[in-house]
Each structure stands twice: as C-alpha cells, then as structure tokens.
C-alpha atoms as a PDB file:
ATOM      1  CA  MET A   1     -11.631 -13.429  10.876  1.00  0.00           C
ATOM      2  CA  GLY A   2     -10.998 -11.552   7.658  1.00  0.00           C
ATOM      3  CA  ALA A   3     -13.121 -10.883   4.624  1.00  0.00           C
ATOM      4  CA  CYS A   4     -12.082 -11.802   1.114  1.00  0.00           C
ATOM      5  CA  ASP A   5     -10.846  -8.896  -0.989  1.00  0.00           C
ATOM      6  CA  ASP A   6     -13.427  -9.335  -3.770  1.00  0.00           C
ATOM      7  CA  ASP A   7     -16.236  -8.761  -1.241  1.00  0.00           C
ATOM      8  CA  THR A   8     -14.412  -5.759   0.219  1.00  0.00           C
ATOM      9  CA  TYR A   9     -13.833  -4.227  -3.219  1.00  0.00           C
ATOM     10  CA  GLU A  10     -17.498  -4.677  -4.160  1.00  0.00           C
ATOM     11  CA  GLU A  11     -18.420  -2.663  -1.061  1.00  0.00           C
ATOM     12  CA  VAL A  12     -15.835  -0.011  -2.001  1.00  0.00           C
ATOM     13  CA  LEU A  13     -17.268   0.314  -5.511  1.00  0.00           C
ATOM     14  CA  GLU A  14     -20.787   0.758  -4.112  1.00  0.00           C
ATOM     15  CA  TYR A  15     -19.538   3.303  -1.572  1.00  0.00           C
ATOM     16  CA  ALA A  16     -17.621   5.245  -4.254  1.00  0.00           C
ATOM     17  CA  ASP A  17     -20.661   5.284  -6.548  1.00  0.00           C
ATOM     18  CA  LYS A  18     -22.863   6.712  -3.775  1.00  0.00           C
ATOM     19  CA  ARG A  19     -20.299   9.316  -2.732  1.00  0.00           C
ATOM     20  CA  ALA A  20     -19.545  10.351  -6.315  1.00  0.00           C
ATOM     21  CA  ASN A  21     -23.258  10.855  -6.958  1.00  0.00           C
ATOM     22  CA  LEU A  22     -23.241  13.512  -4.217  1.00  0.00           C
ATOM     23  CA  GLY A  23     -20.842  15.530  -6.376  1.00  0.00           C
ATOM     24  CA  LYS A  24     -18.289  16.103  -3.619  1.00  0.00           C
ATOM     25  CA  PRO A  25     -14.726  14.806  -3.196  1.00  0.00           C
ATOM     26  CA  PHE A  26     -14.420  11.829  -0.887  1.00  0.00           C
ATOM     27  CA  LEU A  27     -11.824   9.594   0.709  1.00  0.00           C
ATOM     28  CA  ALA A  28     -12.085   5.831   0.960  1.00  0.00           C
ATOM     29  CA  HIS A  29      -9.494   4.103   3.144  1.00  0.00           C
ATOM     30  CA  VAL A  30      -9.591   0.371   2.455  1.00  0.00           C
ATOM     31  CA  LEU A  31      -7.709  -2.332   4.317  1.00  0.00           C
ATOM     32  CA  THR A  32      -7.529  -5.699   2.628  1.00  0.00           C
ATOM     33  CA  LEU A  33      -7.191  -8.856   4.648  1.00  0.00           C
ATOM     34  CA  SER A  34      -6.909 -11.774   2.257  1.00  0.00           C
ATOM     35  CA  SER A  35      -3.112 -11.860   2.363  1.00  0.00           C
ATOM     36  CA  HIS A  36      -3.104 -11.808   6.190  1.00  0.00           C
ATOM     37  CA  SER A  37      -3.649 -14.825   8.364  1.00  0.00           C
ATOM     38  CA  PRO A  38      -6.220 -16.509   8.450  1.00  0.00           C
ATOM     39  CA  TYR A  39      -6.073 -15.984   4.647  1.00  0.00           C
ATOM     40  CA  SER A  40      -9.749 -15.507   3.781  1.00  0.00           C
ATOM     41  CA  TYR A  41     -10.149 -16.025   0.066  1.00  0.00           C
ATOM     42  CA  PRO A  42     -12.072 -18.327  -2.242  1.00  0.00           C
ATOM     43  CA  GLY A  43      -9.859 -21.422  -2.459  1.00  0.00           C
ATOM     44  CA  SER A  44     -11.063 -22.556  -5.868  1.00  0.00           C
ATOM     45  CA  ARG A  45      -9.368 -19.686  -7.710  1.00  0.00           C
ATOM     46  CA  LEU A  46      -5.773 -20.790  -7.109  1.00  0.00           C
ATOM     47  CA  ILE A  47      -3.895 -24.041  -7.499  1.00  0.00           C
ATOM     48  CA  GLU A  48      -0.623 -23.716  -5.536  1.00  0.00           C
ATOM     49  CA  LYS A  49      -0.237 -25.491  -2.205  1.00  0.00           C
ATOM     50  CA  ASP A  50       1.555 -22.695  -0.276  1.00  0.00           C
ATOM     51  CA  GLU A  51      -1.288 -21.014   1.624  1.00  0.00           C
ATOM     52  CA  ARG A  52       0.313 -17.572   2.045  1.00  0.00           C
ATOM     53  CA  ARG A  53       1.574 -17.525  -1.548  1.00  0.00           C
ATOM     54  CA  GLU A  54      -1.923 -18.396  -2.763  1.00  0.00           C
ATOM     55  CA  ALA A  55      -3.405 -15.644  -0.605  1.00  0.00           C
ATOM     56  CA  VAL A  56      -1.011 -13.061  -2.039  1.00  0.00           C
ATOM     57  CA  LYS A  57      -1.774 -14.210  -5.585  1.00  0.00           C
ATOM     58  CA  TYR A  58      -5.487 -13.956  -4.816  1.00  0.00           C
ATOM     59  CA  THR A  59      -4.997 -10.442  -3.387  1.00  0.00           C
ATOM     60  CA  ASP A  60      -3.175  -9.356  -6.557  1.00  0.00           C
ATOM     61  CA  ALA A  61      -5.878 -10.845  -8.780  1.00  0.00           C
ATOM     62  CA  ALA A  62      -8.654  -9.224  -6.711  1.00  0.00           C
ATOM     63  CA  LEU A  63      -6.922  -5.859  -6.968  1.00  0.00           C
ATOM     64  CA  HIS A  64      -6.705  -6.300 -10.747  1.00  0.00           C
ATOM     65  CA  ARG A  65     -10.448  -7.056 -10.874  1.00  0.00           C
ATOM     66  CA  PHE A  66     -11.139  -4.008  -8.703  1.00  0.00           C
ATOM     67  CA  PHE A  67      -9.211  -1.675 -11.015  1.00  0.00           C
ATOM     68  CA  ALA A  68     -10.888  -3.192 -14.084  1.00  0.00           C
ATOM     69  CA  ALA A  69     -14.335  -2.536 -12.561  1.00  0.00           C
ATOM     70  CA  ALA A  70     -13.376   0.916 -11.243  1.00  0.00           C
ATOM     71  CA  SER A  71     -12.024   1.969 -14.650  1.00  0.00           C
ATOM     72  CA  LYS A  72     -15.575   1.729 -16.027  1.00  0.00           C
ATOM     73  CA  LYS A  73     -16.975   4.114 -13.403  1.00  0.00           C
ATOM     74  CA  PRO A  74     -17.563   7.812 -14.130  1.00  0.00           C
ATOM     75  CA  TRP A  75     -15.486   8.825 -11.091  1.00  0.00           C
ATOM     76  CA  PHE A  76     -12.418   6.815 -12.145  1.00  0.00           C
ATOM     77  CA  SER A  77     -10.717   9.537 -14.201  1.00  0.00           C
ATOM     78  CA  ASN A  78     -10.978  11.919 -11.258  1.00  0.00           C
ATOM     79  CA  THR A  79      -9.588   9.503  -8.661  1.00  0.00           C
ATOM     80  CA  ILE A  80      -6.205   8.883  -7.058  1.00  0.00           C
ATOM     81  CA  PHE A  81      -5.482   5.379  -5.775  1.00  0.00           C
ATOM     82  CA  VAL A  82      -2.697   4.761  -3.264  1.00  0.00           C
ATOM     83  CA  VAL A  83      -1.886   1.104  -2.696  1.00  0.00           C
ATOM     84  CA  VAL A  84       0.649   0.192  -0.026  1.00  0.00           C
ATOM     85  CA  SER A  85       1.338  -2.730   2.242  1.00  0.00           C
ATOM     86  CA  ASP A  86       0.895  -2.230   5.971  1.00  0.00           C
ATOM     87  CA  ARG A  87       4.107  -3.976   6.952  1.00  0.00           C
ATOM     88  CA  GLY A  88       6.845  -6.335   5.823  1.00  0.00           C
ATOM     89  CA  SER A  89       6.923 -10.083   5.686  1.00  0.00           C
ATOM     90  CA  GLU A  90       5.942 -12.306   8.574  1.00  0.00           C
ATOM     91  CA  LYS A  91       9.074 -14.352   7.784  1.00  0.00           C
ATOM     92  CA  SER A  92      11.282 -11.960   9.704  1.00  0.00           C
ATOM     93  CA  ASN A  93      13.037 -13.717  12.561  1.00  0.00           C
ATOM     94  CA  GLU A  94      13.354 -11.711  15.782  1.00  0.00           C
ATOM     95  CA  ASN A  95      16.995 -12.770  16.195  1.00  0.00           C
ATOM     96  CA  ASP A  96      18.100 -12.157  12.624  1.00  0.00           C
ATOM     97  CA  PRO A  97      16.096  -9.439  10.852  1.00  0.00           C
ATOM     98  CA  LYS A  98      16.815  -9.244   7.134  1.00  0.00           C
ATOM     99  CA  LEU A  99      16.239  -6.037   5.197  1.00  0.00           C
ATOM    100  CA  GLU A 100      14.328  -7.790   2.410  1.00  0.00           C
ATOM    101  CA  TYR A 101      11.662  -8.808   4.952  1.00  0.00           C
ATOM    102  CA  PHE A 102      10.861  -5.144   5.520  1.00  0.00           C
ATOM    103  CA  HIS A 103      10.474  -4.260   1.826  1.00  0.00           C
ATOM    104  CA  ILE A 104       6.882  -3.369   0.927  1.00  0.00           C
ATOM    105  CA  PRO A 105       5.250  -2.395  -2.344  1.00  0.00           C
ATOM    106  CA  ALA A 106       3.695   1.005  -2.958  1.00  0.00           C
ATOM    107  CA  LEU A 107       1.743   2.325  -5.914  1.00  0.00           C
ATOM    108  CA  ILE A 108       0.228   5.727  -6.675  1.00  0.00           C
ATOM    109  CA  TYR A 109      -2.156   5.274  -9.587  1.00  0.00           C
ATOM    110  CA  SER A 110      -4.136   8.028 -11.240  1.00  0.00           C
ATOM    111  CA  PRO A 111      -4.240   8.004 -15.034  1.00  0.00           C
ATOM    112  CA  GLY A 112      -6.172  11.291 -15.020  1.00  0.00           C
ATOM    113  CA  PHE A 113      -3.584  13.191 -12.975  1.00  0.00           C
ATOM    114  CA  ILE A 114      -0.213  11.452 -12.803  1.00  0.00           C
ATOM    115  CA  ALA A 115       2.017  10.188 -15.611  1.00  0.00           C
ATOM    116  CA  PRO A 116       3.365   6.640 -15.148  1.00  0.00           C
ATOM    117  CA  ALA A 117       6.863   6.442 -13.663  1.00  0.00           C
ATOM    118  CA  GLU A 118       8.969   4.235 -11.418  1.00  0.00           C
ATOM    119  CA  ASN A 119      11.046   5.313  -8.480  1.00  0.00           C
ATOM    120  CA  ASP A 120      13.424   3.076  -6.562  1.00  0.00           C
ATOM    121  CA  LYS A 121      14.425   5.450  -3.774  1.00  0.00           C
ATOM    122  CA  ILE A 122      14.456   4.065  -0.255  1.00  0.00           C
ATOM    123  CA  CYS A 123      11.590   5.655   1.625  1.00  0.00           C
ATOM    124  CA  SER A 124       8.724   4.936   4.021  1.00  0.00           C
ATOM    125  CA  GLN A 125       4.944   4.907   4.043  1.00  0.00           C
ATOM    126  CA  ILE A 126       5.001   8.305   5.739  1.00  0.00           C
ATOM    127  CA  ASP A 127       6.599   9.742   2.584  1.00  0.00           C
ATOM    128  CA  LEU A 128       3.643   8.841   0.367  1.00  0.00           C
ATOM    129  CA  MET A 129       1.377  11.795   1.191  1.00  0.00           C
ATOM    130  CA  PRO A 130       3.940  14.592   0.756  1.00  0.00           C
ATOM    131  CA  THR A 131       5.130  12.903  -2.449  1.00  0.00           C
ATOM    132  CA  LEU A 132       1.591  12.559  -3.790  1.00  0.00           C
ATOM    133  CA  LEU A 133       0.798  16.204  -3.049  1.00  0.00           C
ATOM    134  CA  SER A 134       3.974  17.208  -4.852  1.00  0.00           C
ATOM    135  CA  MET A 135       2.966  15.131  -7.879  1.00  0.00           C
ATOM    136  CA  LEU A 136      -0.319  17.040  -7.917  1.00  0.00           C
ATOM    137  CA  HIS A 137       1.567  20.367  -7.712  1.00  0.00           C
ATOM    138  CA  ILE A 138       0.140  21.065  -4.279  1.00  0.00           C
ATOM    139  CA  ARG A 139       2.600  22.500  -1.839  1.00  0.00           C
ATOM    140  CA  PRO A 140       1.601  21.361   1.616  1.00  0.00           C
ATOM    141  CA  GLU A 141       2.603  23.039   4.819  1.00  0.00           C
ATOM    142  CA  ASP A 142       5.604  21.312   6.361  1.00  0.00           C
ATOM    143  CA  ASN A 143       3.503  19.436   8.912  1.00  0.00           C
ATOM    144  CA  PHE A 144       4.499  15.970   7.744  1.00  0.00           C
ATOM    145  CA  TYR A 145       7.014  13.647   9.327  1.00  0.00           C
ATOM    146  CA  GLY A 146       7.408  12.181   5.879  1.00  0.00           C
ATOM    147  CA  ARG A 147       9.140  13.925   2.992  1.00  0.00           C
ATOM    148  CA  ASN A 148       8.594  14.299  -0.731  1.00  0.00           C
ATOM    149  CA  ILE A 149      10.859  11.654  -2.275  1.00  0.00           C
ATOM    150  CA  LEU A 150      10.907  13.577  -5.571  1.00  0.00           C
ATOM    151  CA  ALA A 151      12.511  16.647  -3.981  1.00  0.00           C
ATOM    152  CA  ASP A 152      16.142  17.332  -4.835  1.00  0.00           C
ATOM    153  CA  ASP A 153      17.078  17.461  -1.150  1.00  0.00           C
ATOM    154  CA  PHE A 154      15.362  14.176  -0.185  1.00  0.00           C
ATOM    155  CA  GLU A 155      17.675  11.964   1.868  1.00  0.00           C
ATOM    156  CA  GLU A 156      16.942   8.275   1.482  1.00  0.00           C
ATOM    157  CA  ARG A 157      16.032   6.556   4.728  1.00  0.00           C
ATOM    158  CA  ALA A 158      13.268   4.268   5.873  1.00  0.00           C
ATOM    159  CA  TYR A 159      11.305   3.489   8.987  1.00  0.00           C
ATOM    160  CA  VAL A 160      10.515  -0.217   8.807  1.00  0.00           C
ATOM    161  CA  SER A 161       8.361  -2.565  10.813  1.00  0.00           C
ATOM    162  CA  ASN A 162       6.651  -5.880  10.983  1.00  0.00           C
ATOM    163  CA  PHE A 163       4.475  -7.373  13.683  1.00  0.00           C
ATOM    164  CA  LEU A 164       7.368  -7.640  16.188  1.00  0.00           C
ATOM    165  CA  GLN A 165      10.108  -5.242  15.112  1.00  0.00           C
ATOM    166  CA  LEU A 166      10.660  -1.551  14.441  1.00  0.00           C
ATOM    167  CA  GLY A 167      13.654  -0.334  12.520  1.00  0.00           C
ATOM    168  CA  TYR A 168      15.413   2.596  10.923  1.00  0.00           C
ATOM    169  CA  LEU A 169      17.482   2.284   7.750  1.00  0.00           C
ATOM    170  CA  LYS A 170      19.940   4.893   6.536  1.00  0.00           C
ATOM    171  CA  ASP A 171      23.158   4.636   4.531  1.00  0.00           C
ATOM    172  CA  SER A 172      22.931   0.817   4.374  1.00  0.00           C
ATOM    173  CA  THR A 173      22.743   0.546   8.172  1.00  0.00           C
ATOM    174  CA  LEU A 174      19.639  -1.047   9.670  1.00  0.00           C
ATOM    175  CA  ILE A 175      18.952  -0.545  13.376  1.00  0.00           C
ATOM    176  CA  VAL A 176      16.147  -2.751  14.737  1.00  0.00           C
ATOM    177  CA  LEU A 177      14.250  -2.525  18.015  1.00  0.00           C
ATOM    178  CA  GLN A 178      13.043  -6.002  18.962  1.00  0.00           C
ATOM    179  CA  PRO A 179      10.782  -7.278  21.754  1.00  0.00           C
ATOM    180  CA  MET A 180      12.541  -7.435  25.109  1.00  0.00           C
ATOM    181  CA  ARG A 181      15.747  -6.103  23.520  1.00  0.00           C
END
C-alpha cells in the first residue's frame, strides 16, 4: 500500500528542516507512490473518472504544493531538486512495445545554481548525475555509466524499461528484451 504524496512531502520538509539546522549538506531521496497502483491519494481533490489519470494529476499538484512550501524555507536557495520518473508507462504491451511508453519526464531544478533551460536530447536516468555535476561546473571522475548530455561529444541513446521490459534505443532503433523472449 502506498502513501499519498502530500503526506510524503510533509515528512520531507520536516526532514530537510532538521538536516539544514545542523548546518551540513544533506541528501534526501524521495520516492512518490500516488501515481503507482494502488493510487493512494485523497479522492476529493480531483474530478475525472480515469483513476490513473487522476493519480497523475494529483501527483503533479502535490509536487507543485511541495515546491511552493519548500520555496519559503531558508535552505531552498541552496538546494538542487532532481525529479524523474522511475519507469515508463504501464500501458506497454509485451508483444508490441511502443517507444512513447518508455518516455519519462526529468527535471533538474535549482534557482540558486542553475539557469532555466530545456533540452530534448534522448538520454537515460543514468545521465542525470554526470549532467548535473557538469551544470554545477564540477568535473567528476569518469566512474559513471551515464554521460553528460551537455557535452559536445554526447551520443544520444537511451536505456529504457518498464515493469516487464528492458530496452536500448539508438539511432531510431529500439531493441527490447521481454519476459521469456
């Protein structure tokens, strides 16, 4: 059973306040569950009938409320938020995987450190950390499987997955490993 995102974000805000008061950098890794089955969210906030669609709308609204509350905290201007989905859509059919079912959102948000920009390069979750470090002008050792997508020599490719399939996308070709196949 999941927990609704508003409750999770309240706990995160309390945790961040306590850690910030210690005066040391900290990491908070938060997994939200409201947009995953069994879709735990307060039902009175949304009016559509599609349960998953409502859950996703609730998750978006809860994230907006979280950022609004966090922006009032003293630690906000010194914080980097990375928001990314864990996997693609549950709609993907094991016999006919479609690329759009593997597409996931990603956001690096830090008004105090990073200027707003959009990037539409094909990449993977594993590329987020080397890219973030590059945006902060930190040159990491080359111990990442992922790559900095902002680098001139970055080659677009993606490792994709959902709950049943693993895939690799490069040059418009998607290769998918499926259960029992």
